[in-house]
């Protein structure tokens, strides 16, 4: 399963008022693994950035003067996201801007033609009703370090959102019981090796510190996702 965690920065809040995308940041997940195959691009918007927006992301008009325009990078961007599930926090905002940019290309294409979209903000609101569900609030709730986020940035925010999304949807990013090997086409496959053991197995009991850590983890899970079934008193001996 290929997922792309995506964020944008813009000149203002409303594409209907002619505001444009000035930064796109994407992080790739395959089978819940961060691959390192990120996408990042600054864009020349051919208009001035609102002062209020500049205070949020810190990107200046001067910095963007020599950057490419959306028309210059659209094919590469579409190829990167094609066929993926996009994870976006407050998706209507970013999707609206991307569709507005595609409309300016006059090719009749929309984001839904290339990828599906999951709104992580809607997920968070469903999981944590009545609570703050901004990216910063979720970082605090799931104990994810966002200390570098003094200003918004598309790639930085996408990387942070990827960690938040993995924590929201299970925490564990992968469990590989085997060895990865490339086939003739260069595709990575898991090769499982049979294991046999004829000796006796040692039983190692958890230490008191391990049991305390176990209970602390369950407290965190119950705080964020509801009652667990793994309390020691609920496990039959």
Protein backbone atom coordinates (compact mmCIF):
# COMPACT_ATOMS: atom_id res chain seq x y z
CA UNK A 1 0.00 0.00 0.00
CA UNK A 2 1.49 3.34 -1.08
CA UNK A 3 0.53 6.44 0.88
CA UNK A 4 1.73 10.01 0.46
CA UNK A 5 1.56 12.41 3.40
CA UNK A 6 1.14 15.85 1.81
CA UNK A 7 1.18 19.46 2.93
CA UNK A 8 1.26 22.82 1.16
CA UNK A 9 2.04 26.42 2.01
CA UNK A 10 0.24 29.20 0.17
CA UNK A 11 0.16 32.96 -0.42
CA UNK A 12 -3.12 33.26 1.48
CA UNK A 13 -6.25 31.40 2.52
CA UNK A 14 -8.58 31.47 -0.49
CA UNK A 15 -7.77 30.12 -3.96
CA UNK A 16 -10.98 31.82 -5.15
CA UNK A 17 -9.25 35.13 -4.41
CA UNK A 18 -6.30 34.21 -6.61
CA UNK A 19 -4.04 32.85 -3.90
CA UNK A 20 -1.50 30.26 -4.99
CA UNK A 21 0.60 27.38 -3.70
CA UNK A 22 4.20 28.34 -2.93
CA UNK A 23 5.49 25.09 -1.36
CA UNK A 24 4.61 21.40 -1.65
CA UNK A 25 6.02 18.80 0.73
CA UNK A 26 5.35 15.07 0.51
CA UNK A 27 6.55 12.01 2.45
CA UNK A 28 6.12 8.50 1.05
CA UNK A 29 4.92 5.53 3.10
CA UNK A 30 4.86 2.02 1.67
CA UNK A 31 3.21 -0.59 3.87
CA UNK A 32 3.48 1.90 6.77
CA UNK A 33 7.23 2.35 6.27
CA UNK A 34 8.88 5.70 5.66
CA UNK A 35 10.82 5.16 2.43
CA UNK A 36 12.83 8.38 2.27
CA UNK A 37 11.42 9.02 -1.22
CA UNK A 38 10.19 12.52 -0.37
CA UNK A 39 8.99 15.23 -2.75
CA UNK A 40 9.65 18.91 -2.03
CA UNK A 41 9.23 21.96 -4.23
CA UNK A 42 9.03 25.72 -3.78
CA UNK A 43 6.97 27.58 -6.40
CA UNK A 44 6.88 31.07 -7.91
CA UNK A 45 3.23 32.15 -7.50
CA UNK A 46 3.29 35.25 -9.74
CA UNK A 47 1.64 37.27 -6.99
CA UNK A 48 2.56 38.71 -3.61
CA UNK A 49 2.28 36.73 -0.38
CA UNK A 50 -0.13 38.07 2.24
CA UNK A 51 1.62 39.43 5.33
CA UNK A 52 -0.43 37.15 7.59
CA UNK A 53 0.57 34.09 5.57
CA UNK A 54 4.23 35.13 5.62
CA UNK A 55 4.11 35.29 9.42
CA UNK A 56 2.94 31.66 9.46
CA UNK A 57 5.48 30.08 7.11
CA UNK A 58 8.25 32.68 6.82
CA UNK A 59 8.56 32.34 3.03
CA UNK A 60 9.25 35.68 1.33
CA UNK A 61 8.49 37.00 -2.14
CA UNK A 62 12.22 37.51 -2.75
CA UNK A 63 13.01 33.89 -1.91
CA UNK A 64 10.55 32.65 -4.55
CA UNK A 65 11.69 34.91 -7.40
CA UNK A 66 13.84 32.25 -9.10
CA UNK A 67 11.66 29.24 -8.28
CA UNK A 68 9.77 27.24 -10.96
CA UNK A 69 6.05 27.70 -11.60
CA UNK A 70 3.43 25.02 -11.16
CA UNK A 71 3.27 24.49 -14.91
CA UNK A 72 6.98 23.62 -14.86
CA UNK A 73 6.69 20.87 -12.24
CA UNK A 74 3.10 19.64 -12.62
CA UNK A 75 3.97 16.49 -14.59
CA UNK A 76 6.61 15.40 -12.05
CA UNK A 77 4.27 16.12 -9.13
CA UNK A 78 1.38 14.18 -10.70
CA UNK A 79 3.67 11.26 -11.49
CA UNK A 80 4.83 11.20 -7.86
CA UNK A 81 1.32 11.09 -6.33
CA UNK A 82 -0.33 9.01 -9.05
CA UNK A 83 -2.20 6.01 -7.65
CA UNK A 84 -1.41 6.78 -4.01
CA UNK A 85 -3.62 7.47 -1.01
CA UNK A 86 -2.93 11.03 0.11
CA UNK A 87 -2.93 11.72 3.85
CA UNK A 88 -3.66 15.41 4.41
CA UNK A 89 -4.50 17.31 7.61
CA UNK A 90 -7.53 19.51 6.88
CA UNK A 91 -7.67 18.09 3.37
CA UNK A 92 -10.27 20.49 1.88
CA UNK A 93 -7.75 23.34 2.17
CA UNK A 94 -4.89 21.64 0.31
CA UNK A 95 -7.14 19.82 -2.16
CA UNK A 96 -8.87 23.10 -3.01
CA UNK A 97 -5.56 24.79 -3.74
CA UNK A 98 -4.19 21.87 -5.78
CA UNK A 99 -7.38 21.72 -7.86
CA UNK A 100 -7.17 25.48 -8.42
CA UNK A 101 -3.59 25.09 -9.66
CA UNK A 102 -4.61 22.24 -11.97
CA UNK A 103 -7.48 24.36 -13.29
CA UNK A 104 -5.01 27.07 -14.30
CA UNK A 105 -3.22 24.49 -16.45
CA UNK A 106 -6.48 24.13 -18.43
CA UNK A 107 -6.11 20.37 -18.84
CA UNK A 108 -9.40 19.46 -17.20
CA UNK A 109 -7.68 17.36 -14.53
CA UNK A 110 -8.45 17.26 -10.81
CA UNK A 111 -6.65 15.66 -7.90
CA UNK A 112 -9.24 12.86 -7.69
CA UNK A 113 -8.13 11.75 -11.15
CA UNK A 114 -4.76 10.68 -9.73
CA UNK A 115 -5.16 9.82 -6.06
CA UNK A 116 -7.58 9.20 -3.21
CA UNK A 117 -7.56 11.46 -0.14
CA UNK A 118 -7.81 10.72 3.59
CA UNK A 119 -8.31 13.68 5.92
CA UNK A 120 -6.31 13.04 9.10
CA UNK A 121 -8.09 15.96 10.80
CA UNK A 122 -11.45 14.24 10.33
CA UNK A 123 -9.91 11.01 11.64
CA UNK A 124 -8.63 12.83 14.72
CA UNK A 125 -11.99 14.51 15.36
CA UNK A 126 -13.67 11.10 15.25
CA UNK A 127 -11.09 9.55 17.58
CA UNK A 128 -10.89 12.52 19.98
CA UNK A 129 -14.27 14.32 19.90
CA UNK A 130 -14.44 17.64 21.69
CA UNK A 131 -10.64 17.96 21.89
CA UNK A 132 -8.14 20.12 20.02
CA UNK A 133 -6.91 18.23 16.96
CA UNK A 134 -4.44 20.61 15.36
CA UNK A 135 -1.14 19.10 14.30
CA UNK A 136 0.57 20.62 17.35
CA UNK A 137 -2.14 19.28 19.68
CA UNK A 138 -1.81 15.79 18.19
CA UNK A 139 1.97 15.91 18.58
CA UNK A 140 1.50 16.64 22.27
CA UNK A 141 -1.14 13.91 22.64
CA UNK A 142 0.99 11.26 20.95
CA UNK A 143 4.30 12.51 22.41
CA UNK A 144 5.85 13.34 19.04
CA UNK A 145 8.68 15.87 18.97
CA UNK A 146 7.70 18.99 17.00
CA UNK A 147 10.22 21.33 18.61
CA UNK A 148 11.62 22.26 15.18
CA UNK A 149 8.23 23.59 14.09
CA UNK A 150 8.76 27.25 14.95
CA UNK A 151 7.30 28.14 11.53
CA UNK A 152 5.08 26.07 9.27
CA UNK A 153 6.87 24.34 6.39
CA UNK A 154 5.32 21.91 3.93
CA UNK A 155 7.98 19.20 4.08
CA UNK A 156 8.56 19.50 7.84
CA UNK A 157 4.82 19.39 8.51
CA UNK A 158 4.40 16.40 6.20
CA UNK A 159 7.11 14.52 8.10
CA UNK A 160 5.52 15.35 11.45
CA UNK A 161 2.07 14.39 10.15
CA UNK A 162 3.44 11.05 8.95
CA UNK A 163 4.55 10.26 12.52
CA UNK A 164 1.20 11.44 13.90
CA UNK A 165 -0.74 9.36 11.36
CA UNK A 166 1.26 6.21 12.15
CA UNK A 167 0.66 6.78 15.87
CA UNK A 168 -3.05 7.41 15.33
CA UNK A 169 -3.47 4.27 13.26
CA UNK A 170 -1.53 1.82 15.36
CA UNK A 171 1.89 3.16 16.24
CA UNK A 172 3.92 0.21 14.95
CA UNK A 173 5.19 1.03 11.48
CA UNK A 174 6.17 -2.46 10.37
CA UNK A 175 6.62 -6.03 11.46
CA UNK A 176 8.82 -8.03 9.13
CA UNK A 177 9.23 -11.72 9.92
CA UNK A 178 11.63 -12.64 7.17
CA UNK A 179 14.34 -11.31 4.92
CA UNK A 180 13.95 -8.79 2.09
CA UNK A 181 15.39 -9.93 -1.24
CA UNK A 182 15.15 -8.33 -4.68
CA UNK A 183 13.69 -10.35 -7.54
CA UNK A 184 14.79 -10.17 -11.19
CA UNK A 185 12.76 -6.99 -11.71
CA UNK A 186 14.29 -5.27 -8.71
CA UNK A 187 11.12 -5.60 -6.59
CA UNK A 188 11.64 -6.26 -2.89
CA UNK A 189 9.96 -9.39 -1.52
CA UNK A 190 9.87 -10.96 1.91
CA UNK A 191 11.50 -14.39 1.98
CA UNK A 192 10.39 -16.46 4.97
CA UNK A 193 12.85 -19.06 6.25
CA UNK A 194 11.51 -22.12 8.09
CA UNK A 195 12.78 -22.44 11.63
CA UNK A 196 12.91 -25.66 13.64
CA UNK A 197 13.92 -26.03 17.27
CA UNK A 198 14.08 -29.24 19.26
CA UNK A 199 15.46 -27.99 22.57
CA UNK A 200 13.54 -26.79 25.62
CA UNK A 201 12.38 -23.19 25.73
CA UNK A 202 13.31 -20.93 28.61
CA UNK A 203 10.56 -18.86 30.18
CA UNK A 204 11.78 -15.40 31.13
CA UNK A 205 9.34 -13.54 33.34
CA UNK A 206 8.91 -9.81 33.11
CA UNK A 207 10.71 -7.75 35.72
CA UNK A 208 8.90 -5.26 37.93
CA UNK A 209 10.23 -2.41 35.78
CA UNK A 210 8.92 -4.16 32.66
CA UNK A 211 5.49 -4.54 34.25
CA UNK A 212 5.45 -0.87 35.23
CA UNK A 213 6.41 0.13 31.68
CA UNK A 214 3.63 -2.15 30.36
CA UNK A 215 1.02 -0.45 32.55
CA UNK A 216 2.29 3.01 31.58
CA UNK A 217 1.96 2.15 27.88
CA UNK A 218 -1.60 0.91 28.43
CA UNK A 219 -2.42 4.18 30.19
CA UNK A 220 -1.24 6.06 27.09
CA UNK A 221 -3.23 3.81 24.74
CA UNK A 222 -6.41 4.16 26.81
CA UNK A 223 -5.97 7.93 26.96
CA UNK A 224 -5.88 8.15 23.16
CA UNK A 225 -7.90 5.22 21.88
CA UNK A 226 -10.14 3.85 24.65
CA UNK A 227 -10.15 0.83 26.96
CA UNK A 228 -7.64 -1.93 26.35
CA UNK A 229 -7.93 -5.67 26.98
CA UNK A 230 -4.31 -6.18 28.07
CA UNK A 231 -4.44 -5.13 31.71
CA UNK A 232 -2.64 -7.65 33.86
CA UNK A 233 -5.72 -8.22 35.99
CA UNK A 234 -7.69 -9.14 32.85
CA UNK A 235 -5.20 -11.78 31.67
CA UNK A 236 -5.98 -15.30 32.84
CA UNK A 237 -3.05 -17.23 34.25
